[in-house]
Amino acid sequence: MSQPVCLTTPLTKERMAALRAGDLVLLSGTVYTARDAAHRRIADSLDRGEEPPFPLAGSVIYYLGPTPPPPGRVIGSAGPTTSYRMDAYAPRLHELGLAASIGKGKRSQELRDCLRRCGGVYFGATGGAAALLSRHIISSELVAYPDLDTEAVRRLEFQDFPVIVLYDAHGGDAFAGLPKASA
């Protein structure tokens, strides 16, 4: 097994171009959370000509709705949500400079084409390991849409957060060649 790649946000096109599907990455720096409802609000604000609630250039969005923090912790369980629900919004964000997203599961062909066109990547975080993943989040701050509760936009600080490159900027696909699930 190869050594993990250590990356710090904001991500550059050059650093993302060096990644390949299947690479293990330890991600550090600022990452923003947004799920379905937040993505809708971000799209609505962009439609009105407003700025999004955080800078998109070089940024990473984690599809996450964390649980409340237990005493002494900055965040509760912090596992990824299924990503395809954001595919109606994600290409537009990538076209505006979003570098990467973190979630779980396969994505649409439109999103994968957009990643190639824009030089972005899609990282996967391990589902079912939410409590362990939260140990790599060293701060959490509410940024926008507090009425959305756990789906509000938050600014997180990661320290060596483990992710896998599921789709790279060259069309590489970590899901390729895996057996199809039977119904």
C-alpha atoms as a PDB file:
ATOM      1  CA  MET A   1       0.000   0.000   0.000  1.00  0.00           C
ATOM      2  CA  SER A   2       1.337   3.429  -0.914  1.00  0.00           C
ATOM      3  CA  GLN A   3       1.858   6.210   1.576  1.00  0.00           C
ATOM      4  CA  PRO A   4      -1.030   8.659   2.051  1.00  0.00           C
ATOM      5  CA  VAL A   5      -0.885  12.023   0.325  1.00  0.00           C
ATOM      6  CA  CYS A   6      -1.028  14.933   2.788  1.00  0.00           C
ATOM      7  CA  LEU A   7      -3.034  17.914   1.519  1.00  0.00           C
ATOM      8  CA  THR A   8      -3.974  21.216   3.116  1.00  0.00           C
ATOM      9  CA  THR A   9      -6.805  23.444   1.962  1.00  0.00           C
ATOM     10  CA  PRO A  10      -7.306  25.519  -0.055  1.00  0.00           C
ATOM     11  CA  LEU A  11      -6.611  22.970  -2.777  1.00  0.00           C
ATOM     12  CA  THR A  12      -4.858  23.986  -5.975  1.00  0.00           C
ATOM     13  CA  LYS A  13      -5.483  22.594  -9.456  1.00  0.00           C
ATOM     14  CA  GLU A  14      -1.875  21.370  -9.532  1.00  0.00           C
ATOM     15  CA  ARG A  15      -2.220  19.361  -6.322  1.00  0.00           C
ATOM     16  CA  MET A  16      -5.549  17.878  -7.456  1.00  0.00           C
ATOM     17  CA  ALA A  17      -4.101  16.991 -10.874  1.00  0.00           C
ATOM     18  CA  ALA A  18      -1.516  14.810  -9.129  1.00  0.00           C
ATOM     19  CA  LEU A  19      -4.210  12.731  -7.390  1.00  0.00           C
ATOM     20  CA  ARG A  20      -5.463   9.446  -8.810  1.00  0.00           C
ATOM     21  CA  ALA A  21      -8.578   7.444  -8.034  1.00  0.00           C
ATOM     22  CA  GLY A  22      -7.825   5.140  -5.123  1.00  0.00           C
ATOM     23  CA  ASP A  23      -5.234   7.434  -3.494  1.00  0.00           C
ATOM     24  CA  LEU A  24      -5.473   7.740   0.284  1.00  0.00           C
ATOM     25  CA  VAL A  25      -5.354  11.389   1.381  1.00  0.00           C
ATOM     26  CA  LEU A  26      -4.947  12.945   4.820  1.00  0.00           C
ATOM     27  CA  LEU A  27      -6.733  16.266   4.500  1.00  0.00           C
ATOM     28  CA  SER A  28      -6.040  19.231   6.785  1.00  0.00           C
ATOM     29  CA  GLY A  29      -7.286  22.808   6.844  1.00  0.00           C
ATOM     30  CA  THR A  30     -10.656  24.493   6.410  1.00  0.00           C
ATOM     31  CA  VAL A  31     -13.579  22.436   5.065  1.00  0.00           C
ATOM     32  CA  TYR A  32     -17.211  23.563   4.854  1.00  0.00           C
ATOM     33  CA  THR A  33     -20.306  21.444   5.476  1.00  0.00           C
ATOM     34  CA  ALA A  34     -23.406  21.550   3.311  1.00  0.00           C
ATOM     35  CA  ARG A  35     -26.183  19.090   2.624  1.00  0.00           C
ATOM     36  CA  ASP A  36     -29.344  19.166   0.515  1.00  0.00           C
ATOM     37  CA  ALA A  37     -31.170  22.125   2.083  1.00  0.00           C
ATOM     38  CA  ALA A  38     -28.011  24.247   2.290  1.00  0.00           C
ATOM     39  CA  HIS A  39     -27.182  23.503  -1.349  1.00  0.00           C
ATOM     40  CA  ARG A  40     -30.660  24.681  -2.367  1.00  0.00           C
ATOM     41  CA  ARG A  41     -30.165  27.936  -0.463  1.00  0.00           C
ATOM     42  CA  ILE A  42     -26.717  28.479  -1.928  1.00  0.00           C
ATOM     43  CA  ALA A  43     -28.140  27.945  -5.444  1.00  0.00           C
ATOM     44  CA  ASP A  44     -30.991  30.356  -4.711  1.00  0.00           C
ATOM     45  CA  SER A  45     -28.563  33.031  -3.503  1.00  0.00           C
ATOM     46  CA  LEU A  46     -26.390  32.551  -6.598  1.00  0.00           C
ATOM     47  CA  ASP A  47     -29.527  32.919  -8.762  1.00  0.00           C
ATOM     48  CA  ARG A  48     -30.140  36.272  -7.054  1.00  0.00           C
ATOM     49  CA  GLY A  49     -26.588  37.381  -7.843  1.00  0.00           C
ATOM     50  CA  GLU A  50     -25.447  37.062  -4.215  1.00  0.00           C
ATOM     51  CA  GLU A  51     -22.205  35.592  -2.972  1.00  0.00           C
ATOM     52  CA  PRO A  52     -22.259  32.107  -1.407  1.00  0.00           C
ATOM     53  CA  PRO A  53     -21.796  31.959   2.394  1.00  0.00           C
ATOM     54  CA  PHE A  54     -18.153  30.879   2.016  1.00  0.00           C
ATOM     55  CA  PRO A  55     -15.463  31.310  -0.640  1.00  0.00           C
ATOM     56  CA  LEU A  56     -15.661  28.594  -3.297  1.00  0.00           C
ATOM     57  CA  ALA A  57     -12.188  28.967  -4.843  1.00  0.00           C
ATOM     58  CA  GLY A  58     -10.080  26.015  -3.722  1.00  0.00           C
ATOM     59  CA  SER A  59     -12.644  25.007  -1.097  1.00  0.00           C
ATOM     60  CA  VAL A  60     -13.884  21.579  -0.064  1.00  0.00           C
ATOM     61  CA  ILE A  61     -17.465  20.752   0.932  1.00  0.00           C
ATOM     62  CA  TYR A  62     -18.158  17.829   3.258  1.00  0.00           C
ATOM     63  CA  TYR A  63     -21.664  16.420   2.856  1.00  0.00           C
ATOM     64  CA  LEU A  64     -22.279  16.152   6.565  1.00  0.00           C
ATOM     65  CA  GLY A  65     -24.939  16.729   9.171  1.00  0.00           C
ATOM     66  CA  PRO A  66     -23.030  16.298  12.447  1.00  0.00           C
ATOM     67  CA  THR A  67     -24.581  15.303  15.736  1.00  0.00           C
ATOM     68  CA  PRO A  68     -24.285  17.671  18.721  1.00  0.00           C
ATOM     69  CA  PRO A  69     -20.892  17.568  20.405  1.00  0.00           C
ATOM     70  CA  PRO A  70     -20.481  15.578  23.600  1.00  0.00           C
ATOM     71  CA  PRO A  71     -18.822  17.368  26.539  1.00  0.00           C
ATOM     72  CA  GLY A  72     -15.247  18.319  25.775  1.00  0.00           C
ATOM     73  CA  ARG A  73     -15.517  17.802  21.997  1.00  0.00           C
ATOM     74  CA  VAL A  74     -15.961  20.335  19.169  1.00  0.00           C
ATOM     75  CA  ILE A  75     -18.344  18.155  17.157  1.00  0.00           C
ATOM     76  CA  GLY A  76     -20.348  14.973  17.520  1.00  0.00           C
ATOM     77  CA  SER A  77     -20.367  12.073  15.085  1.00  0.00           C
ATOM     78  CA  ALA A  78     -19.286  13.339  11.682  1.00  0.00           C
ATOM     79  CA  GLY A  79     -19.916  10.720   9.020  1.00  0.00           C
ATOM     80  CA  PRO A  80     -20.595  11.382   5.332  1.00  0.00           C
ATOM     81  CA  THR A  81     -24.036  11.419   3.782  1.00  0.00           C
ATOM     82  CA  THR A  82     -24.942   9.970   0.392  1.00  0.00           C
ATOM     83  CA  SER A  83     -23.579  12.382  -2.191  1.00  0.00           C
ATOM     84  CA  TYR A  84     -25.715  11.947  -5.308  1.00  0.00           C
ATOM     85  CA  ARG A  85     -28.440  14.104  -3.728  1.00  0.00           C
ATOM     86  CA  MET A  86     -26.151  17.123  -4.210  1.00  0.00           C
ATOM     87  CA  ASP A  87     -25.487  16.364  -7.903  1.00  0.00           C
ATOM     88  CA  ALA A  88     -28.142  18.839  -9.058  1.00  0.00           C
ATOM     89  CA  TYR A  89     -26.077  21.647  -7.450  1.00  0.00           C
ATOM     90  CA  ALA A  90     -22.460  20.460  -7.388  1.00  0.00           C
ATOM     91  CA  PRO A  91     -21.487  21.105 -11.043  1.00  0.00           C
ATOM     92  CA  ARG A  92     -22.387  24.777 -10.718  1.00  0.00           C
ATOM     93  CA  LEU A  93     -20.286  25.088  -7.557  1.00  0.00           C
ATOM     94  CA  HIS A  94     -17.318  23.393  -9.247  1.00  0.00           C
ATOM     95  CA  GLU A  95     -17.653  25.750 -12.210  1.00  0.00           C
ATOM     96  CA  LEU A  96     -17.407  28.632  -9.714  1.00  0.00           C
ATOM     97  CA  GLY A  97     -14.187  27.259  -8.204  1.00  0.00           C
ATOM     98  CA  LEU A  98     -15.122  24.536  -5.706  1.00  0.00           C
ATOM     99  CA  ALA A  99     -12.160  22.156  -5.628  1.00  0.00           C
ATOM    100  CA  ALA A 100     -13.604  19.015  -4.061  1.00  0.00           C
ATOM    101  CA  SER A 101     -16.377  17.377  -2.117  1.00  0.00           C
ATOM    102  CA  ILE A 102     -16.402  14.625   0.476  1.00  0.00           C
ATOM    103  CA  GLY A 103     -19.201  12.120   0.835  1.00  0.00           C
ATOM    104  CA  LYS A 104     -20.049   8.522   0.124  1.00  0.00           C
ATOM    105  CA  GLY A 105     -21.396   6.616  -2.837  1.00  0.00           C
ATOM    106  CA  LYS A 106     -21.363   7.006  -6.591  1.00  0.00           C
ATOM    107  CA  ARG A 107     -22.073  10.276  -8.393  1.00  0.00           C
ATOM    108  CA  SER A 108     -23.812  11.211 -11.640  1.00  0.00           C
ATOM    109  CA  GLN A 109     -22.102  11.184 -15.012  1.00  0.00           C
ATOM    110  CA  GLU A 110     -22.743  14.941 -15.244  1.00  0.00           C
ATOM    111  CA  LEU A 111     -20.789  15.517 -12.022  1.00  0.00           C
ATOM    112  CA  ARG A 112     -17.949  13.231 -13.132  1.00  0.00           C
ATOM    113  CA  ASP A 113     -17.723  15.088 -16.465  1.00  0.00           C
ATOM    114  CA  CYS A 114     -17.666  18.381 -14.571  1.00  0.00           C
ATOM    115  CA  LEU A 115     -14.787  17.197 -12.360  1.00  0.00           C
ATOM    116  CA  ARG A 116     -12.735  16.453 -15.493  1.00  0.00           C
ATOM    117  CA  ARG A 117     -13.655  19.798 -17.070  1.00  0.00           C
ATOM    118  CA  CYS A 118     -12.982  21.828 -13.912  1.00  0.00           C
ATOM    119  CA  GLY A 119     -10.081  19.816 -12.503  1.00  0.00           C
ATOM    120  CA  GLY A 120     -11.950  18.831  -9.332  1.00  0.00           C
ATOM    121  CA  VAL A 121     -12.008  15.671  -7.249  1.00  0.00           C
ATOM    122  CA  TYR A 122     -14.511  13.704  -5.198  1.00  0.00           C
ATOM    123  CA  PHE A 123     -13.273  12.199  -1.957  1.00  0.00           C
ATOM    124  CA  GLY A 124     -14.937   9.385  -0.072  1.00  0.00           C
ATOM    125  CA  ALA A 125     -15.038   9.198   3.710  1.00  0.00           C
ATOM    126  CA  THR A 126     -15.750   5.936   5.464  1.00  0.00           C
ATOM    127  CA  GLY A 127     -19.432   5.511   6.247  1.00  0.00           C
ATOM    128  CA  GLY A 128     -20.103   3.915   9.626  1.00  0.00           C
ATOM    129  CA  ALA A 129     -17.000   5.469  11.195  1.00  0.00           C
ATOM    130  CA  ALA A 130     -18.549   8.820  12.153  1.00  0.00           C
ATOM    131  CA  ALA A 131     -17.296   8.858  15.745  1.00  0.00           C
ATOM    132  CA  LEU A 132     -13.750   8.056  14.642  1.00  0.00           C
ATOM    133  CA  LEU A 133     -13.813  10.638  11.833  1.00  0.00           C
ATOM    134  CA  SER A 134     -14.895  13.346  14.279  1.00  0.00           C
ATOM    135  CA  ARG A 135     -11.560  12.995  16.080  1.00  0.00           C
ATOM    136  CA  HIS A 136      -9.894  14.590  13.021  1.00  0.00           C
ATOM    137  CA  ILE A 137     -12.052  17.736  13.308  1.00  0.00           C
ATOM    138  CA  ILE A 138     -10.407  20.239  15.629  1.00  0.00           C
ATOM    139  CA  SER A 139     -12.897  23.117  15.362  1.00  0.00           C
ATOM    140  CA  SER A 140     -16.439  23.782  14.176  1.00  0.00           C
ATOM    141  CA  GLU A 141     -18.103  27.169  13.622  1.00  0.00           C
ATOM    142  CA  LEU A 142     -21.587  27.967  12.323  1.00  0.00           C
ATOM    143  CA  VAL A 143     -21.359  29.995   9.095  1.00  0.00           C
ATOM    144  CA  ALA A 144     -24.865  30.199   7.592  1.00  0.00           C
ATOM    145  CA  TYR A 145     -28.479  29.026   7.794  1.00  0.00           C
ATOM    146  CA  PRO A 146     -28.716  28.268  11.534  1.00  0.00           C
ATOM    147  CA  ASP A 147     -32.401  27.388  11.121  1.00  0.00           C
ATOM    148  CA  LEU A 148     -31.284  24.251   9.238  1.00  0.00           C
ATOM    149  CA  ASP A 149     -29.863  22.890  12.510  1.00  0.00           C
ATOM    150  CA  THR A 150     -27.503  19.991  11.703  1.00  0.00           C
ATOM    151  CA  GLU A 151     -27.724  20.847   7.982  1.00  0.00           C
ATOM    152  CA  ALA A 152     -26.499  24.418   8.522  1.00  0.00           C
ATOM    153  CA  VAL A 153     -23.269  25.445   6.819  1.00  0.00           C
ATOM    154  CA  ARG A 154     -20.292  25.077   9.158  1.00  0.00           C
ATOM    155  CA  ARG A 155     -16.607  25.849   8.848  1.00  0.00           C
ATOM    156  CA  LEU A 156     -14.585  22.919  10.130  1.00  0.00           C
ATOM    157  CA  GLU A 157     -10.863  22.614  10.672  1.00  0.00           C
ATOM    158  CA  PHE A 158      -9.524  19.194   9.722  1.00  0.00           C
ATOM    159  CA  GLN A 159      -6.327  17.605  10.937  1.00  0.00           C
ATOM    160  CA  ASP A 160      -5.231  14.561   8.905  1.00  0.00           C
ATOM    161  CA  PHE A 161      -8.831  13.640   8.029  1.00  0.00           C
ATOM    162  CA  PRO A 162      -8.649  10.341   6.082  1.00  0.00           C
ATOM    163  CA  VAL A 163     -10.344  10.258   2.666  1.00  0.00           C
ATOM    164  CA  ILE A 164      -9.964   8.251  -0.541  1.00  0.00           C
ATOM    165  CA  VAL A 165     -10.021   9.762  -4.024  1.00  0.00           C
ATOM    166  CA  LEU A 166     -13.144   8.213  -5.562  1.00  0.00           C
ATOM    167  CA  TYR A 167     -13.173  10.309  -8.770  1.00  0.00           C
ATOM    168  CA  ASP A 168     -10.084  12.164  -9.904  1.00  0.00           C
ATOM    169  CA  ALA A 169      -9.664  15.149 -12.227  1.00  0.00           C
ATOM    170  CA  HIS A 170      -8.718  12.864 -15.138  1.00  0.00           C
ATOM    171  CA  GLY A 171     -11.825  10.680 -15.199  1.00  0.00           C
ATOM    172  CA  GLY A 172     -10.367   8.018 -12.907  1.00  0.00           C
ATOM    173  CA  ASP A 173     -13.026   6.106 -10.993  1.00  0.00           C
ATOM    174  CA  ALA A 174     -12.287   4.092  -7.846  1.00  0.00           C
ATOM    175  CA  PHE A 175     -15.610   2.277  -8.358  1.00  0.00           C
ATOM    176  CA  ALA A 176     -14.569   0.976 -11.807  1.00  0.00           C
ATOM    177  CA  GLY A 177     -14.093  -2.751 -11.895  1.00  0.00           C
ATOM    178  CA  LEU A 178     -15.922  -3.393  -8.640  1.00  0.00           C
ATOM    179  CA  PRO A 179     -18.603  -6.065  -8.819  1.00  0.00           C
ATOM    180  CA  LYS A 180     -22.137  -4.747  -9.160  1.00  0.00           C
ATOM    181  CA  ALA A 181     -24.376  -5.259  -6.143  1.00  0.00           C
ATOM    182  CA  SER A 182     -27.103  -7.797  -6.752  1.00  0.00           C
ATOM    183  CA  ALA A 183     -30.668  -6.825  -6.045  1.00  0.00           C
END
